C-alpha atoms as a PDB file:
ATOM      1  CA  MET A   1     -66.520 -33.437 -10.736  1.00  0.00           C
ATOM      2  CA  ALA A   2     -63.084 -34.535 -12.093  1.00  0.00           C
ATOM      3  CA  GLU A   3     -60.544 -36.135  -9.981  1.00  0.00           C
ATOM      4  CA  THR A   4     -57.850 -34.214  -8.897  1.00  0.00           C
ATOM      5  CA  LEU A   5     -54.409 -34.912  -9.585  1.00  0.00           C
ATOM      6  CA  SER A   6     -53.442 -35.807  -5.462  1.00  0.00           C
ATOM      7  CA  GLU A   7     -56.646 -38.007  -5.639  1.00  0.00           C
ATOM      8  CA  GLN A   8     -55.947 -40.140  -8.543  1.00  0.00           C
ATOM      9  CA  ILE A   9     -52.351 -40.587  -6.411  1.00  0.00           C
ATOM     10  CA  LEU A  10     -53.832 -41.764  -3.309  1.00  0.00           C
ATOM     11  CA  ARG A  11     -56.429 -43.620  -5.172  1.00  0.00           C
ATOM     12  CA  GLU A  12     -53.850 -44.976  -7.259  1.00  0.00           C
ATOM     13  CA  ASN A  13     -50.936 -46.101  -4.465  1.00  0.00           C
ATOM     14  CA  ALA A  14     -53.983 -46.682  -1.719  1.00  0.00           C
ATOM     15  CA  GLU A  15     -52.433 -50.622  -1.351  1.00  0.00           C
ATOM     16  CA  VAL A  16     -49.020 -49.353  -0.792  1.00  0.00           C
ATOM     17  CA  LEU A  17     -49.598 -46.361   1.799  1.00  0.00           C
ATOM     18  CA  ASP A  18     -51.881 -48.819   3.409  1.00  0.00           C
ATOM     19  CA  ALA A  19     -48.997 -51.073   3.982  1.00  0.00           C
ATOM     20  CA  MET A  20     -47.226 -47.891   5.636  1.00  0.00           C
ATOM     21  CA  LEU A  21     -49.466 -47.018   7.532  1.00  0.00           C
ATOM     22  CA  THR A  22     -50.270 -50.288   9.018  1.00  0.00           C
ATOM     23  CA  HIS A  23     -46.340 -50.788   9.516  1.00  0.00           C
ATOM     24  CA  ARG A  24     -45.167 -52.332  12.464  1.00  0.00           C
ATOM     25  CA  PHE A  25     -43.453 -49.284  13.351  1.00  0.00           C
ATOM     26  CA  ILE A  26     -46.410 -47.088  13.647  1.00  0.00           C
ATOM     27  CA  GLU A  27     -48.742 -49.914  15.674  1.00  0.00           C
ATOM     28  CA  ASP A  28     -45.885 -50.331  17.931  1.00  0.00           C
ATOM     29  CA  ILE A  29     -45.866 -46.379  18.570  1.00  0.00           C
ATOM     30  CA  LYS A  30     -49.882 -46.333  19.010  1.00  0.00           C
ATOM     31  CA  ALA A  31     -49.625 -49.533  21.233  1.00  0.00           C
ATOM     32  CA  ASP A  32     -47.107 -47.496  23.319  1.00  0.00           C
ATOM     33  CA  ARG A  33     -44.777 -50.412  22.889  1.00  0.00           C
ATOM     34  CA  LEU A  34     -41.850 -49.291  20.813  1.00  0.00           C
ATOM     35  CA  PRO A  35     -38.597 -50.743  22.329  1.00  0.00           C
ATOM     36  CA  THR A  36     -36.313 -48.507  23.168  1.00  0.00           C
ATOM     37  CA  GLU A  37     -34.002 -49.342  21.017  1.00  0.00           C
ATOM     38  CA  VAL A  38     -35.730 -49.639  18.145  1.00  0.00           C
ATOM     39  CA  PHE A  39     -36.699 -45.860  18.443  1.00  0.00           C
ATOM     40  CA  GLU A  40     -32.725 -44.751  18.997  1.00  0.00           C
ATOM     41  CA  ARG A  41     -32.215 -46.701  16.118  1.00  0.00           C
ATOM     42  CA  TYR A  42     -34.739 -44.581  13.963  1.00  0.00           C
ATOM     43  CA  LEU A  43     -33.688 -41.613  15.310  1.00  0.00           C
ATOM     44  CA  VAL A  44     -30.245 -41.565  14.023  1.00  0.00           C
ATOM     45  CA  PHE A  45     -31.725 -42.737  10.730  1.00  0.00           C
ATOM     46  CA  GLU A  46     -34.653 -40.292  10.091  1.00  0.00           C
ATOM     47  CA  GLY A  47     -32.052 -37.981  11.384  1.00  0.00           C
ATOM     48  CA  ALA A  48     -29.719 -38.235   8.852  1.00  0.00           C
ATOM     49  CA  PHE A  49     -32.752 -38.302   6.210  1.00  0.00           C
ATOM     50  CA  VAL A  50     -33.676 -34.763   7.581  1.00  0.00           C
ATOM     51  CA  ASP A  51     -30.399 -33.604   6.523  1.00  0.00           C
ATOM     52  CA  THR A  52     -30.993 -35.123   3.088  1.00  0.00           C
ATOM     53  CA  ALA A  53     -34.100 -33.795   3.324  1.00  0.00           C
ATOM     54  CA  ILE A  54     -32.728 -30.361   3.337  1.00  0.00           C
ATOM     55  CA  SER A  55     -30.660 -30.984   0.116  1.00  0.00           C
ATOM     56  CA  ILE A  56     -33.748 -32.285  -1.578  1.00  0.00           C
ATOM     57  CA  PHE A  57     -35.987 -29.264  -1.060  1.00  0.00           C
ATOM     58  CA  ALA A  58     -33.169 -27.177  -1.841  1.00  0.00           C
ATOM     59  CA  PHE A  59     -33.472 -28.809  -5.117  1.00  0.00           C
ATOM     60  CA  ALA A  60     -37.584 -28.027  -5.343  1.00  0.00           C
ATOM     61  CA  ALA A  61     -36.598 -24.116  -4.953  1.00  0.00           C
ATOM     62  CA  ALA A  62     -33.834 -23.986  -7.138  1.00  0.00           C
ATOM     63  CA  LYS A  63     -36.345 -25.492  -9.764  1.00  0.00           C
ATOM     64  CA  ALA A  64     -39.771 -23.968  -8.423  1.00  0.00           C
ATOM     65  CA  GLU A  65     -41.627 -21.772 -11.252  1.00  0.00           C
ATOM     66  CA  THR A  66     -43.046 -18.852  -8.875  1.00  0.00           C
ATOM     67  CA  MET A  67     -41.773 -16.825  -6.503  1.00  0.00           C
ATOM     68  CA  ALA A  68     -44.705 -17.539  -4.124  1.00  0.00           C
ATOM     69  CA  GLN A  69     -43.614 -21.564  -4.157  1.00  0.00           C
ATOM     70  CA  LYS A  70     -39.656 -20.478  -3.342  1.00  0.00           C
ATOM     71  CA  ARG A  71     -40.644 -18.408  -0.851  1.00  0.00           C
ATOM     72  CA  TRP A  72     -42.477 -21.450   0.610  1.00  0.00           C
ATOM     73  CA  LEU A  73     -40.042 -23.762   0.052  1.00  0.00           C
ATOM     74  CA  ILE A  74     -37.320 -21.697   2.255  1.00  0.00           C
ATOM     75  CA  GLY A  75     -40.040 -21.441   4.858  1.00  0.00           C
ATOM     76  CA  VAL A  76     -39.897 -25.300   5.000  1.00  0.00           C
ATOM     77  CA  LEU A  77     -35.977 -25.324   4.583  1.00  0.00           C
ATOM     78  CA  ASP A  78     -35.989 -22.927   7.859  1.00  0.00           C
ATOM     79  CA  ALA A  79     -38.207 -25.077   9.539  1.00  0.00           C
ATOM     80  CA  LEU A  80     -36.037 -28.523   8.879  1.00  0.00           C
ATOM     81  CA  ALA A  81     -32.631 -26.844   9.883  1.00  0.00           C
ATOM     82  CA  ASN A  82     -33.813 -25.023  12.458  1.00  0.00           C
ATOM     83  CA  GLN A  83     -36.404 -26.758  14.469  1.00  0.00           C
ATOM     84  CA  GLN A  84     -36.244 -31.316  13.304  1.00  0.00           C
ATOM     85  CA  ILE A  85     -32.646 -30.685  13.479  1.00  0.00           C
ATOM     86  CA  ALA A  86     -32.776 -28.975  16.410  1.00  0.00           C
ATOM     87  CA  TYR A  87     -35.007 -31.893  17.612  1.00  0.00           C
ATOM     88  CA  PHE A  88     -32.270 -34.422  16.941  1.00  0.00           C
ATOM     89  CA  GLU A  89     -29.448 -32.443  18.076  1.00  0.00           C
ATOM     90  CA  LYS A  90     -31.366 -32.509  21.704  1.00  0.00           C
ATOM     91  CA  THR A  91     -32.621 -35.642  21.682  1.00  0.00           C
ATOM     92  CA  PHE A  92     -29.309 -37.277  20.991  1.00  0.00           C
ATOM     93  CA  ALA A  93     -27.635 -35.426  23.830  1.00  0.00           C
ATOM     94  CA  ALA A  94     -30.274 -35.923  25.963  1.00  0.00           C
ATOM     95  CA  ARG A  95     -30.248 -40.013  25.396  1.00  0.00           C
ATOM     96  CA  GLY A  96     -26.039 -40.304  25.007  1.00  0.00           C
ATOM     97  CA  ILE A  97     -26.635 -41.437  21.324  1.00  0.00           C
ATOM     98  CA  ASP A  98     -23.548 -41.096  18.829  1.00  0.00           C
ATOM     99  CA  PRO A  99     -25.342 -41.195  15.482  1.00  0.00           C
ATOM    100  CA  GLN A 100     -21.592 -42.266  14.486  1.00  0.00           C
ATOM    101  CA  ALA A 101     -21.437 -45.551  16.580  1.00  0.00           C
ATOM    102  CA  PHE A 102     -24.469 -46.648  14.223  1.00  0.00           C
ATOM    103  CA  ASP A 103     -24.406 -48.408  10.465  1.00  0.00           C
ATOM    104  CA  HIS A 104     -25.906 -46.134   8.100  1.00  0.00           C
ATOM    105  CA  ALA A 105     -24.950 -47.885   5.176  1.00  0.00           C
ATOM    106  CA  ILE A 106     -27.743 -50.756   5.720  1.00  0.00           C
ATOM    107  CA  PRO A 107     -29.590 -51.404   2.370  1.00  0.00           C
ATOM    108  CA  GLU A 108     -33.195 -50.239   3.575  1.00  0.00           C
ATOM    109  CA  VAL A 109     -31.485 -46.925   4.746  1.00  0.00           C
ATOM    110  CA  ALA A 110     -28.911 -46.176   2.102  1.00  0.00           C
ATOM    111  CA  ALA A 111     -31.984 -47.098  -0.449  1.00  0.00           C
ATOM    112  CA  PHE A 112     -34.285 -44.495   0.818  1.00  0.00           C
ATOM    113  CA  GLN A 113     -31.876 -42.041   1.410  1.00  0.00           C
ATOM    114  CA  ASP A 114     -30.059 -42.081  -2.326  1.00  0.00           C
ATOM    115  CA  GLY A 115     -33.513 -42.821  -3.941  1.00  0.00           C
ATOM    116  CA  MET A 116     -35.536 -39.776  -2.603  1.00  0.00           C
ATOM    117  CA  LEU A 117     -32.172 -37.421  -3.218  1.00  0.00           C
ATOM    118  CA  ALA A 118     -31.849 -38.743  -7.003  1.00  0.00           C
ATOM    119  CA  ILE A 119     -36.096 -37.897  -7.492  1.00  0.00           C
ATOM    120  CA  ALA A 120     -35.335 -34.176  -6.565  1.00  0.00           C
ATOM    121  CA  ARG A 121     -31.765 -34.302  -8.172  1.00  0.00           C
ATOM    122  CA  ASP A 122     -32.718 -35.868 -11.327  1.00  0.00           C
ATOM    123  CA  GLY A 123     -36.205 -35.269 -11.852  1.00  0.00           C
ATOM    124  CA  GLY A 124     -38.141 -31.920 -12.099  1.00  0.00           C
ATOM    125  CA  PHE A 125     -39.905 -29.569  -9.433  1.00  0.00           C
ATOM    126  CA  LEU A 126     -43.554 -31.815  -9.242  1.00  0.00           C
ATOM    127  CA  ASP A 127     -41.371 -34.958  -9.099  1.00  0.00           C
ATOM    128  CA  THR A 128     -40.049 -33.750  -5.835  1.00  0.00           C
ATOM    129  CA  VAL A 129     -43.015 -32.117  -4.967  1.00  0.00           C
ATOM    130  CA  ALA A 130     -45.007 -36.325  -5.567  1.00  0.00           C
ATOM    131  CA  ALA A 131     -42.297 -37.965  -3.569  1.00  0.00           C
ATOM    132  CA  MET A 132     -42.185 -35.859  -0.529  1.00  0.00           C
ATOM    133  CA  PHE A 133     -45.953 -35.800  -0.667  1.00  0.00           C
ATOM    134  CA  ALA A 134     -45.886 -39.864  -0.013  1.00  0.00           C
ATOM    135  CA  ALA A 135     -43.570 -38.896   3.052  1.00  0.00           C
ATOM    136  CA  GLU A 136     -45.446 -35.842   4.537  1.00  0.00           C
ATOM    137  CA  TRP A 137     -48.967 -36.982   4.102  1.00  0.00           C
ATOM    138  CA  MET A 138     -48.607 -40.408   5.431  1.00  0.00           C
ATOM    139  CA  TYR A 139     -46.780 -39.045   8.573  1.00  0.00           C
ATOM    140  CA  TRP A 140     -49.537 -36.354   8.760  1.00  0.00           C
ATOM    141  CA  THR A 141     -51.906 -38.838   8.645  1.00  0.00           C
ATOM    142  CA  TRP A 142     -50.769 -41.706  11.202  1.00  0.00           C
ATOM    143  CA  SER A 143     -49.308 -38.954  13.759  1.00  0.00           C
ATOM    144  CA  ARG A 144     -52.604 -37.490  14.170  1.00  0.00           C
ATOM    145  CA  GLN A 145     -53.995 -40.762  14.848  1.00  0.00           C
ATOM    146  CA  ALA A 146     -51.037 -41.923  17.632  1.00  0.00           C
ATOM    147  CA  ALA A 147     -51.111 -37.710  18.862  1.00  0.00           C
ATOM    148  CA  ALA A 148     -54.730 -38.866  20.501  1.00  0.00           C
ATOM    149  CA  ARG A 149     -52.807 -41.981  22.079  1.00  0.00           C
ATOM    150  CA  GLN A 150     -51.260 -42.990  25.360  1.00  0.00           C
ATOM    151  CA  ILE A 151     -46.925 -42.500  24.475  1.00  0.00           C
ATOM    152  CA  SER A 152     -45.197 -42.910  27.304  1.00  0.00           C
ATOM    153  CA  ASP A 153     -41.427 -41.683  26.246  1.00  0.00           C
ATOM    154  CA  PRO A 154     -42.248 -37.874  26.322  1.00  0.00           C
ATOM    155  CA  LEU A 155     -39.146 -37.516  23.571  1.00  0.00           C
ATOM    156  CA  LEU A 156     -41.173 -39.727  21.325  1.00  0.00           C
ATOM    157  CA  LYS A 157     -44.259 -37.984  21.651  1.00  0.00           C
ATOM    158  CA  GLU A 158     -42.558 -34.743  21.200  1.00  0.00           C
ATOM    159  CA  TRP A 159     -41.753 -36.339  17.846  1.00  0.00           C
ATOM    160  CA  VAL A 160     -45.481 -37.468  16.928  1.00  0.00           C
ATOM    161  CA  ASP A 161     -46.827 -34.256  17.941  1.00  0.00           C
ATOM    162  CA  LEU A 162     -44.528 -32.245  15.396  1.00  0.00           C
ATOM    163  CA  HIS A 163     -45.800 -34.053  12.813  1.00  0.00           C
ATOM    164  CA  ALA A 164     -49.412 -33.691  13.744  1.00  0.00           C
ATOM    165  CA  HIS A 165     -48.733 -29.750  14.417  1.00  0.00           C
ATOM    166  CA  PRO A 166     -50.916 -27.641  12.324  1.00  0.00           C
ATOM    167  CA  ASP A 167     -47.289 -26.257  10.486  1.00  0.00           C
ATOM    168  CA  PHE A 168     -46.970 -29.705   9.073  1.00  0.00           C
ATOM    169  CA  ALA A 169     -50.120 -30.024   8.420  1.00  0.00           C
ATOM    170  CA  ALA A 170     -50.131 -26.654   6.063  1.00  0.00           C
ATOM    171  CA  GLN A 171     -46.931 -28.674   4.486  1.00  0.00           C
ATOM    172  CA  ALA A 172     -48.734 -31.645   3.847  1.00  0.00           C
ATOM    173  CA  LEU A 173     -51.558 -29.775   2.300  1.00  0.00           C
ATOM    174  CA  TRP A 174     -49.099 -27.567   0.273  1.00  0.00           C
ATOM    175  CA  LEU A 175     -47.762 -30.226  -1.498  1.00  0.00           C
ATOM    176  CA  LYS A 176     -51.217 -31.682  -2.097  1.00  0.00           C
ATOM    177  CA  ALA A 177     -52.342 -28.194  -3.777  1.00  0.00           C
ATOM    178  CA  GLU A 178     -49.195 -27.713  -5.576  1.00  0.00           C
ATOM    179  CA  LEU A 179     -50.277 -31.084  -7.188  1.00  0.00           C
ATOM    180  CA  ASP A 180     -53.756 -30.629  -7.893  1.00  0.00           C
ATOM    181  CA  GLN A 181     -53.144 -27.005  -9.578  1.00  0.00           C
ATOM    182  CA  ALA A 182     -50.004 -28.715 -11.717  1.00  0.00           C
ATOM    183  CA  GLY A 183     -52.633 -31.501 -12.328  1.00  0.00           C
ATOM    184  CA  GLU A 184     -55.312 -29.429 -14.420  1.00  0.00           C
ATOM    185  CA  GLY A 185     -55.472 -30.358 -17.956  1.00  0.00           C
ATOM    186  CA  MET A 186     -51.746 -32.636 -17.247  1.00  0.00           C
ATOM    187  CA  SER A 187     -51.830 -35.428 -19.726  1.00  0.00           C
ATOM    188  CA  GLU A 188     -52.657 -38.856 -18.239  1.00  0.00           C
ATOM    189  CA  THR A 189     -49.238 -40.057 -19.235  1.00  0.00           C
ATOM    190  CA  GLU A 190     -47.449 -37.147 -16.912  1.00  0.00           C
ATOM    191  CA  ARG A 191     -50.335 -37.925 -14.012  1.00  0.00           C
ATOM    192  CA  SER A 192     -49.341 -41.654 -13.762  1.00  0.00           C
ATOM    193  CA  ARG A 193     -45.638 -40.651 -13.904  1.00  0.00           C
ATOM    194  CA  LEU A 194     -46.229 -38.463 -11.042  1.00  0.00           C
ATOM    195  CA  SER A 195     -48.769 -41.587  -9.156  1.00  0.00           C
ATOM    196  CA  ALA A 196     -45.373 -43.946  -9.633  1.00  0.00           C
ATOM    197  CA  ILE A 197     -43.258 -41.384  -7.628  1.00  0.00           C
ATOM    198  CA  PHE A 198     -45.323 -41.347  -4.588  1.00  0.00           C
ATOM    199  CA  GLY A 199     -45.616 -44.818  -4.860  1.00  0.00           C
ATOM    200  CA  GLN A 200     -41.673 -45.481  -5.771  1.00  0.00           C
ATOM    201  CA  ALA A 201     -41.417 -42.934  -2.188  1.00  0.00           C
ATOM    202  CA  GLN A 202     -44.010 -44.730  -0.229  1.00  0.00           C
ATOM    203  CA  SER A 203     -42.011 -48.007  -0.670  1.00  0.00           C
ATOM    204  CA  LEU A 204     -39.027 -46.754   0.077  1.00  0.00           C
ATOM    205  CA  GLU A 205     -40.413 -45.333   3.212  1.00  0.00           C
ATOM    206  CA  ILE A 206     -41.812 -48.914   4.229  1.00  0.00           C
ATOM    207  CA  ALA A 207     -38.183 -50.670   4.179  1.00  0.00           C
ATOM    208  CA  PHE A 208     -36.788 -47.463   5.868  1.00  0.00           C
ATOM    209  CA  HIS A 209     -39.129 -48.226   9.062  1.00  0.00           C
ATOM    210  CA  ASP A 210     -37.852 -51.704   8.715  1.00  0.00           C
ATOM    211  CA  ALA A 211     -34.563 -50.894   9.388  1.00  0.00           C
ATOM    212  CA  PRO A 212     -34.479 -50.094  12.946  1.00  0.00           C
ATOM    213  CA  TYR A 213     -35.907 -53.788  13.500  1.00  0.00           C
ATOM    214  CA  LEU A 214     -32.962 -55.259  11.821  1.00  0.00           C
END
């Protein structure tokens, strides 16, 4: 059986994906030792990125070719705006966190936000799918593992559970299916280009997850 596009992407990027999946941030969560200050810095940086992700998926919706794709992406936008953003609003209020008091301009954070947005703005529909597949497949993978562990901080536990939930799994699997469908009959050059976008996004993720420790 021929290798699907997502299988090729995951094979070719196994090293960088593994580096992300074994990142200190994830290992600290699994071991229930993530420092509070690191979690709170991460929340601020990630909350800002989720805002950016609304723009990223809006570009994808604008460039989608079918109504089925557009409908799905409208659902994604709704979940980002009304579930994930709401989580950050609630958590910032509960923790007394002022996002404006943090430096969002540190290179690792700015590069991630700007790099992911540029892929969606300047590339085609599948460019965004490949980049967000990198982010969401990675989050679903490690969150499923972490959700089975003891996590003392209830707000961190809620964040992990959100990404282990079947609704988030459906989103990661939708991105995978979109790549596989598009990959049928695709040239090797285009398949390799999309695989490189996945790798680029994963590298940006690694640096982004370094940022809360800096």
